[in-house]
Amino acid sequence: MILASATPVSVTLSLAAAAAYALPALAAARMGAPLTRMVLLLAWLLHAAVLALGLLDSPPRFGFAPAISITAWLVLTVYGIESRVYPKLRARWALAGFATAAVLLALVFPGTPLHPSASAWLPLHWALGIACYGLFAAAVVHAWLMTRVEKQIRLATDPHSDMPLLTLERLMFHFISAGFALLTATLLAGWLFGETLYGAAGARWRWDHKAVFSVLSWLTFAVLLIGRSRFGWRGRRAVRVLYGGTALLVLAYAGSRFVMEVVLRRAG
C-alpha cells in the first residue's frame, strides 16, 4: 500500500500529475484548447517521471495498477501525436479523466517488487505486453469516438464537428492490427522463454487464469481481423468484438493481478 512503499518524491509527483490531469478533465470547455494542451503536456511529463521512478526502483515494482497507469500514459502519447495530424480528434477530457484515475490507483497500489530470480529480460516481456495494452486501449478510444460520431449522424447534428467516421474506423483497425502483432509476440515469448523469464523451473507455460484469458483475447482479435478481411466487418459489430477482446485482455493480467494483490493480498 501507499504508506508502506511510496517515497515522498513519488507521492508528490503522483499527486501533481493527477491534479494536472484533473484540471482539463473537469474544466476543458472553459480553459480553451491552447491552455488545455499545455496542462496536458505538463501532466504527461509528470506522469512519465512517476513511471520512471517506479520502474527504476531497486528492485523495480510492478502490478495491475502500474500496468493501467503505463497504459494510460501510452494512450495519451498516441493521442498527442494523432491530434497534431487530426485536429478534430477530440477526447481530451475523457483521456484526462482516465489518466487521473490511473495515476491515483498506481499511487495506492504500487505493485510488488520483482523477484530476485527473475530474468533481466522480464522487463522487456512486460514492455511488450504493456505496449499491446496501450495499442488496444487506443483502438477502444477510437471505437468510442466512432460511436459518438454515429450518434451525432443519427441525431442530425453538425457532421463536420468531429473526424470522419471512415477515418476513425481505419485508425481503429490500424491499432488493432498492431496490438494483435504485439500480443502474438508477447504470447510466443511467454510460451518459448517463460522458464528463463521468470527464473523458476516449470514456469515455461502454465494454463492459469492469465494464460487462458490471454489466449481467449488473442482468438477474439484474430476473429475480428479475419472478419474484417474476409467479410467486411465494420461499425457496431466490429466495436462489440473489440470491446469483448479488450475485456478479456484486461482480465488476463490486470484482472488476475488485482485479485492476487488486493483480494488475496499475495505477491505471486
Protein backbone atom coordinates (compact mmCIF):
# COMPACT_ATOMS: atom_id res chain seq x y z
CA MET A 1 0.00 0.00 0.00
CA ILE A 2 0.98 3.64 -0.36
CA LEU A 3 2.12 4.25 3.23
CA ALA A 4 4.45 1.27 3.19
CA SER A 5 6.13 1.69 -0.19
CA ALA A 6 5.84 5.15 -1.73
CA THR A 7 8.56 7.77 -1.30
CA PRO A 8 7.78 11.45 -0.68
CA VAL A 9 9.05 12.28 -4.18
CA SER A 10 6.80 9.72 -5.87
CA VAL A 11 3.78 10.81 -3.81
CA THR A 12 4.38 14.47 -4.69
CA LEU A 13 4.84 13.76 -8.40
CA SER A 14 1.81 11.46 -8.49
CA LEU A 15 -0.47 13.99 -6.82
CA ALA A 16 0.84 16.77 -9.08
CA ALA A 17 0.26 14.65 -12.20
CA ALA A 18 -3.24 13.66 -11.06
CA ALA A 19 -4.12 17.30 -10.34
CA ALA A 20 -2.78 18.41 -13.72
CA TYR A 21 -4.82 15.73 -15.47
CA ALA A 22 -7.94 16.51 -13.44
CA LEU A 23 -7.95 20.18 -14.41
CA PRO A 24 -8.70 19.67 -18.14
CA ALA A 25 -10.92 16.69 -17.32
CA LEU A 26 -13.19 18.92 -15.24
CA ALA A 27 -12.84 22.27 -16.99
CA ALA A 28 -11.63 21.72 -20.56
CA ALA A 29 -14.53 23.67 -22.05
CA ARG A 30 -13.69 26.77 -20.01
CA MET A 31 -9.91 26.52 -20.39
CA GLY A 32 -9.72 26.64 -24.18
CA ALA A 33 -7.69 24.38 -26.48
CA PRO A 34 -4.21 26.02 -26.14
CA LEU A 35 -4.23 26.06 -22.32
CA THR A 36 -5.68 22.54 -22.20
CA ARG A 37 -2.84 21.24 -24.37
CA MET A 38 -0.24 22.94 -22.16
CA VAL A 39 -1.70 21.49 -18.96
CA LEU A 40 -1.98 18.03 -20.51
CA LEU A 41 1.66 18.22 -21.61
CA LEU A 42 2.72 19.13 -18.07
CA ALA A 43 0.63 16.27 -16.67
CA TRP A 44 2.10 13.87 -19.25
CA LEU A 45 5.67 14.83 -18.26
CA LEU A 46 4.92 14.47 -14.54
CA HIS A 47 3.28 11.12 -15.24
CA ALA A 48 6.40 9.98 -17.14
CA ALA A 49 8.55 10.93 -14.15
CA VAL A 50 6.32 8.89 -11.83
CA LEU A 51 6.57 5.84 -14.08
CA ALA A 52 10.34 6.18 -14.37
CA LEU A 53 10.71 6.30 -10.58
CA GLY A 54 8.67 3.11 -10.21
CA LEU A 55 10.46 1.16 -12.95
CA LEU A 56 13.94 2.32 -11.94
CA ASP A 57 13.40 1.48 -8.27
CA SER A 58 15.64 -1.20 -6.81
CA PRO A 59 14.12 -3.71 -7.17
CA PRO A 60 11.53 -2.40 -9.64
CA ARG A 61 7.88 -2.76 -8.66
CA PHE A 62 5.07 -3.83 -10.93
CA GLY A 63 1.42 -4.83 -10.69
CA PHE A 64 -2.05 -4.26 -12.05
CA ALA A 65 -2.22 -0.55 -11.16
CA PRO A 66 1.19 0.38 -12.66
CA ALA A 67 0.15 -1.56 -15.79
CA ILE A 68 -3.01 0.54 -16.07
CA SER A 69 -1.01 3.71 -15.38
CA ILE A 70 1.51 2.96 -18.13
CA THR A 71 -1.36 2.10 -20.48
CA ALA A 72 -2.97 5.48 -19.80
CA TRP A 73 0.34 7.25 -20.46
CA LEU A 74 0.80 5.38 -23.75
CA VAL A 75 -2.73 6.20 -24.89
CA LEU A 76 -2.15 9.88 -24.15
CA THR A 77 1.13 9.69 -26.08
CA VAL A 78 -0.69 8.27 -29.09
CA TYR A 79 -3.43 10.87 -28.73
CA GLY A 80 -0.92 13.71 -28.54
CA ILE A 81 0.74 12.59 -31.77
CA GLU A 82 -2.56 11.91 -33.55
CA SER A 83 -4.14 15.19 -32.54
CA ARG A 84 -1.35 17.02 -34.35
CA VAL A 85 -2.27 15.19 -37.56
CA TYR A 86 -6.03 15.16 -36.97
CA PRO A 87 -7.00 18.37 -35.11
CA LYS A 88 -10.65 17.27 -34.98
CA LEU A 89 -9.74 14.32 -32.74
CA ARG A 90 -11.48 15.31 -29.51
CA ALA A 91 -11.15 13.11 -26.48
CA ARG A 92 -9.08 15.26 -24.10
CA TRP A 93 -11.48 15.34 -21.17
CA ALA A 94 -12.18 11.59 -21.25
CA LEU A 95 -8.49 10.63 -21.52
CA ALA A 96 -7.51 13.15 -18.84
CA GLY A 97 -10.11 11.65 -16.50
CA PHE A 98 -8.84 8.13 -17.21
CA ALA A 99 -5.25 9.21 -16.58
CA THR A 100 -6.21 10.91 -13.30
CA ALA A 101 -7.77 7.70 -12.01
CA ALA A 102 -4.83 5.60 -13.28
CA VAL A 103 -2.18 7.74 -11.54
CA LEU A 104 -4.05 7.71 -8.23
CA LEU A 105 -4.69 3.97 -8.47
CA ALA A 106 -0.98 3.29 -9.00
CA LEU A 107 -0.17 5.52 -6.02
CA VAL A 108 -2.40 3.45 -3.75
CA PHE A 109 -1.41 0.07 -5.25
CA PRO A 110 2.24 0.41 -6.44
CA GLY A 111 2.62 -3.31 -7.14
CA THR A 112 5.10 -5.85 -5.83
CA PRO A 113 8.91 -5.97 -6.14
CA LEU A 114 10.40 -8.01 -8.96
CA HIS A 115 11.55 -11.43 -7.73
CA PRO A 116 15.38 -11.63 -7.47
CA SER A 117 15.50 -14.83 -9.55
CA ALA A 118 13.62 -13.29 -12.48
CA SER A 119 15.49 -12.74 -15.72
CA ALA A 120 16.78 -9.34 -16.76
CA TRP A 121 14.68 -9.89 -19.92
CA LEU A 122 11.43 -9.89 -17.93
CA PRO A 123 11.01 -6.07 -18.12
CA LEU A 124 11.23 -6.36 -21.93
CA HIS A 125 8.50 -9.01 -21.85
CA TRP A 126 6.43 -6.68 -19.70
CA ALA A 127 7.10 -3.82 -22.11
CA LEU A 128 5.71 -5.87 -25.00
CA GLY A 129 2.59 -6.68 -23.01
CA ILE A 130 2.00 -3.11 -21.87
CA ALA A 131 2.59 -1.74 -25.37
CA CYS A 132 -0.03 -4.22 -26.52
CA TYR A 133 -2.39 -2.89 -23.81
CA GLY A 134 -1.73 0.65 -24.99
CA LEU A 135 -2.49 -0.11 -28.63
CA PHE A 136 -5.75 -1.88 -27.86
CA ALA A 137 -6.71 0.91 -25.47
CA ALA A 138 -6.10 3.40 -28.30
CA ALA A 139 -8.33 1.25 -30.53
CA VAL A 140 -11.05 1.37 -27.86
CA VAL A 141 -10.81 5.18 -27.72
CA HIS A 142 -11.32 5.33 -31.49
CA ALA A 143 -14.23 2.90 -31.22
CA TRP A 144 -15.83 5.18 -28.62
CA LEU A 145 -15.31 8.18 -30.89
CA MET A 146 -16.87 6.22 -33.76
CA THR A 147 -19.93 5.50 -31.62
CA ARG A 148 -20.20 9.19 -30.73
CA VAL A 149 -19.99 10.25 -34.37
CA GLU A 150 -22.60 7.68 -35.40
CA LYS A 151 -24.92 9.04 -32.72
CA GLN A 152 -24.40 12.60 -33.98
CA ILE A 153 -25.20 11.48 -37.51
CA ARG A 154 -28.43 9.82 -36.36
CA LEU A 155 -29.40 12.97 -34.45
CA ALA A 156 -28.56 15.12 -37.49
CA THR A 157 -26.12 17.33 -35.57
CA ASP A 158 -23.15 19.07 -37.20
CA PRO A 159 -21.40 16.30 -39.21
CA HIS A 160 -18.21 18.37 -39.57
CA SER A 161 -17.57 18.87 -35.84
CA ASP A 162 -15.67 15.58 -35.46
CA MET A 163 -13.40 13.37 -37.52
CA PRO A 164 -14.93 11.44 -40.44
CA LEU A 165 -16.35 8.08 -39.45
CA LEU A 166 -14.34 6.13 -42.02
CA THR A 167 -11.09 7.74 -40.85
CA LEU A 168 -11.80 6.74 -37.24
CA GLU A 169 -12.62 3.20 -38.34
CA ARG A 170 -9.43 2.92 -40.38
CA LEU A 171 -7.32 4.16 -37.47
CA MET A 172 -9.10 1.79 -35.09
CA PHE A 173 -8.17 -1.22 -37.21
CA HIS A 174 -4.59 0.01 -37.58
CA PHE A 175 -4.27 -0.04 -33.79
CA ILE A 176 -5.98 -3.43 -33.57
CA SER A 177 -3.58 -4.92 -36.14
CA ALA A 178 -0.51 -3.51 -34.37
CA GLY A 179 -1.80 -4.61 -30.98
CA PHE A 180 -2.50 -8.11 -32.31
CA ALA A 181 1.07 -8.38 -33.60
CA LEU A 182 2.47 -7.37 -30.18
CA LEU A 183 0.06 -9.68 -28.36
CA THR A 184 1.24 -12.56 -30.57
CA ALA A 185 4.87 -11.73 -29.80
CA THR A 186 4.13 -11.50 -26.07
CA LEU A 187 2.38 -14.88 -26.00
CA LEU A 188 5.16 -16.52 -28.01
CA ALA A 189 7.80 -15.10 -25.67
CA GLY A 190 5.91 -16.40 -22.64
CA TRP A 191 5.47 -19.82 -24.22
CA LEU A 192 9.01 -20.25 -25.50
CA PHE A 193 11.03 -18.47 -22.79
CA GLY A 194 8.78 -18.50 -19.72
CA GLU A 195 11.20 -20.52 -17.59
CA THR A 196 14.08 -18.17 -18.48
CA LEU A 197 11.99 -15.02 -17.94
CA TYR A 198 10.66 -15.93 -14.51
CA GLY A 199 13.68 -17.85 -13.28
CA ALA A 200 11.63 -20.77 -11.98
CA ALA A 201 11.54 -24.39 -13.06
CA GLY A 202 8.28 -25.37 -14.67
CA ALA A 203 7.37 -21.76 -15.48
CA ARG A 204 7.59 -22.21 -19.25
CA TRP A 205 3.84 -22.24 -19.75
CA ARG A 206 1.07 -22.70 -17.21
CA TRP A 207 -2.62 -22.79 -18.02
CA ASP A 208 -3.55 -20.36 -15.28
CA HIS A 209 -6.15 -17.59 -15.49
CA LYS A 210 -3.70 -15.21 -17.15
CA ALA A 211 -2.83 -17.69 -19.90
CA VAL A 212 -6.45 -18.68 -20.53
CA PHE A 213 -7.73 -15.09 -20.81
CA SER A 214 -4.71 -14.08 -22.93
CA VAL A 215 -5.34 -16.87 -25.43
CA LEU A 216 -9.07 -16.12 -25.50
CA SER A 217 -8.35 -12.46 -26.21
CA TRP A 218 -5.90 -13.44 -28.97
CA LEU A 219 -8.55 -15.66 -30.56
CA THR A 220 -11.14 -12.87 -30.30
CA PHE A 221 -8.89 -10.35 -32.04
CA ALA A 222 -7.95 -12.94 -34.67
CA VAL A 223 -11.64 -13.50 -35.42
CA LEU A 224 -12.16 -9.73 -35.64
CA LEU A 225 -9.31 -9.25 -38.12
CA ILE A 226 -10.42 -12.23 -40.21
CA GLY A 227 -14.00 -10.95 -40.15
CA ARG A 228 -12.79 -7.55 -41.29
CA SER A 229 -10.65 -9.01 -44.08
CA ARG A 230 -12.98 -11.72 -45.36
CA PHE A 231 -16.48 -10.50 -44.52
CA GLY A 232 -16.07 -6.74 -44.26
CA TRP A 233 -17.00 -6.46 -40.58
CA ARG A 234 -17.31 -2.86 -39.50
CA GLY A 235 -19.36 -0.50 -37.37
CA ARG A 236 -21.14 -1.80 -34.29
CA ARG A 237 -20.25 -5.46 -34.87
CA ALA A 238 -16.54 -4.69 -35.01
CA VAL A 239 -16.79 -2.42 -31.97
CA ARG A 240 -18.56 -5.08 -29.91
CA VAL A 241 -15.93 -7.70 -30.74
CA LEU A 242 -13.17 -5.19 -29.93
CA TYR A 243 -14.72 -4.44 -26.55
CA GLY A 244 -15.03 -8.15 -25.80
CA GLY A 245 -11.43 -8.93 -26.74
CA THR A 246 -10.14 -5.96 -24.76
CA ALA A 247 -12.12 -7.02 -21.69
CA LEU A 248 -10.56 -10.49 -21.89
CA LEU A 249 -7.10 -8.94 -22.24
CA VAL A 250 -7.64 -6.72 -19.19
CA LEU A 251 -8.75 -9.77 -17.19
CA ALA A 252 -5.66 -11.65 -18.35
CA TYR A 253 -3.13 -9.51 -16.48
CA ALA A 254 -4.65 -6.53 -14.69
CA GLY A 255 -7.64 -8.53 -13.52
CA SER A 256 -5.67 -11.52 -12.28
CA ARG A 257 -3.08 -9.29 -10.59
CA PHE A 258 -5.84 -7.27 -8.93
CA VAL A 259 -7.20 -10.46 -7.39
CA MET A 260 -3.72 -11.53 -6.26
CA GLU A 261 -2.61 -8.16 -4.87
CA VAL A 262 -5.83 -6.73 -3.48
CA VAL A 263 -8.28 -9.57 -2.85
CA LEU A 264 -5.85 -12.33 -1.84
CA ARG A 265 -3.00 -9.98 -0.81
CA ARG A 266 -0.36 -12.21 -2.34
CA ALA A 267 2.75 -11.17 -4.28
CA GLY A 268 2.76 -14.07 -6.74
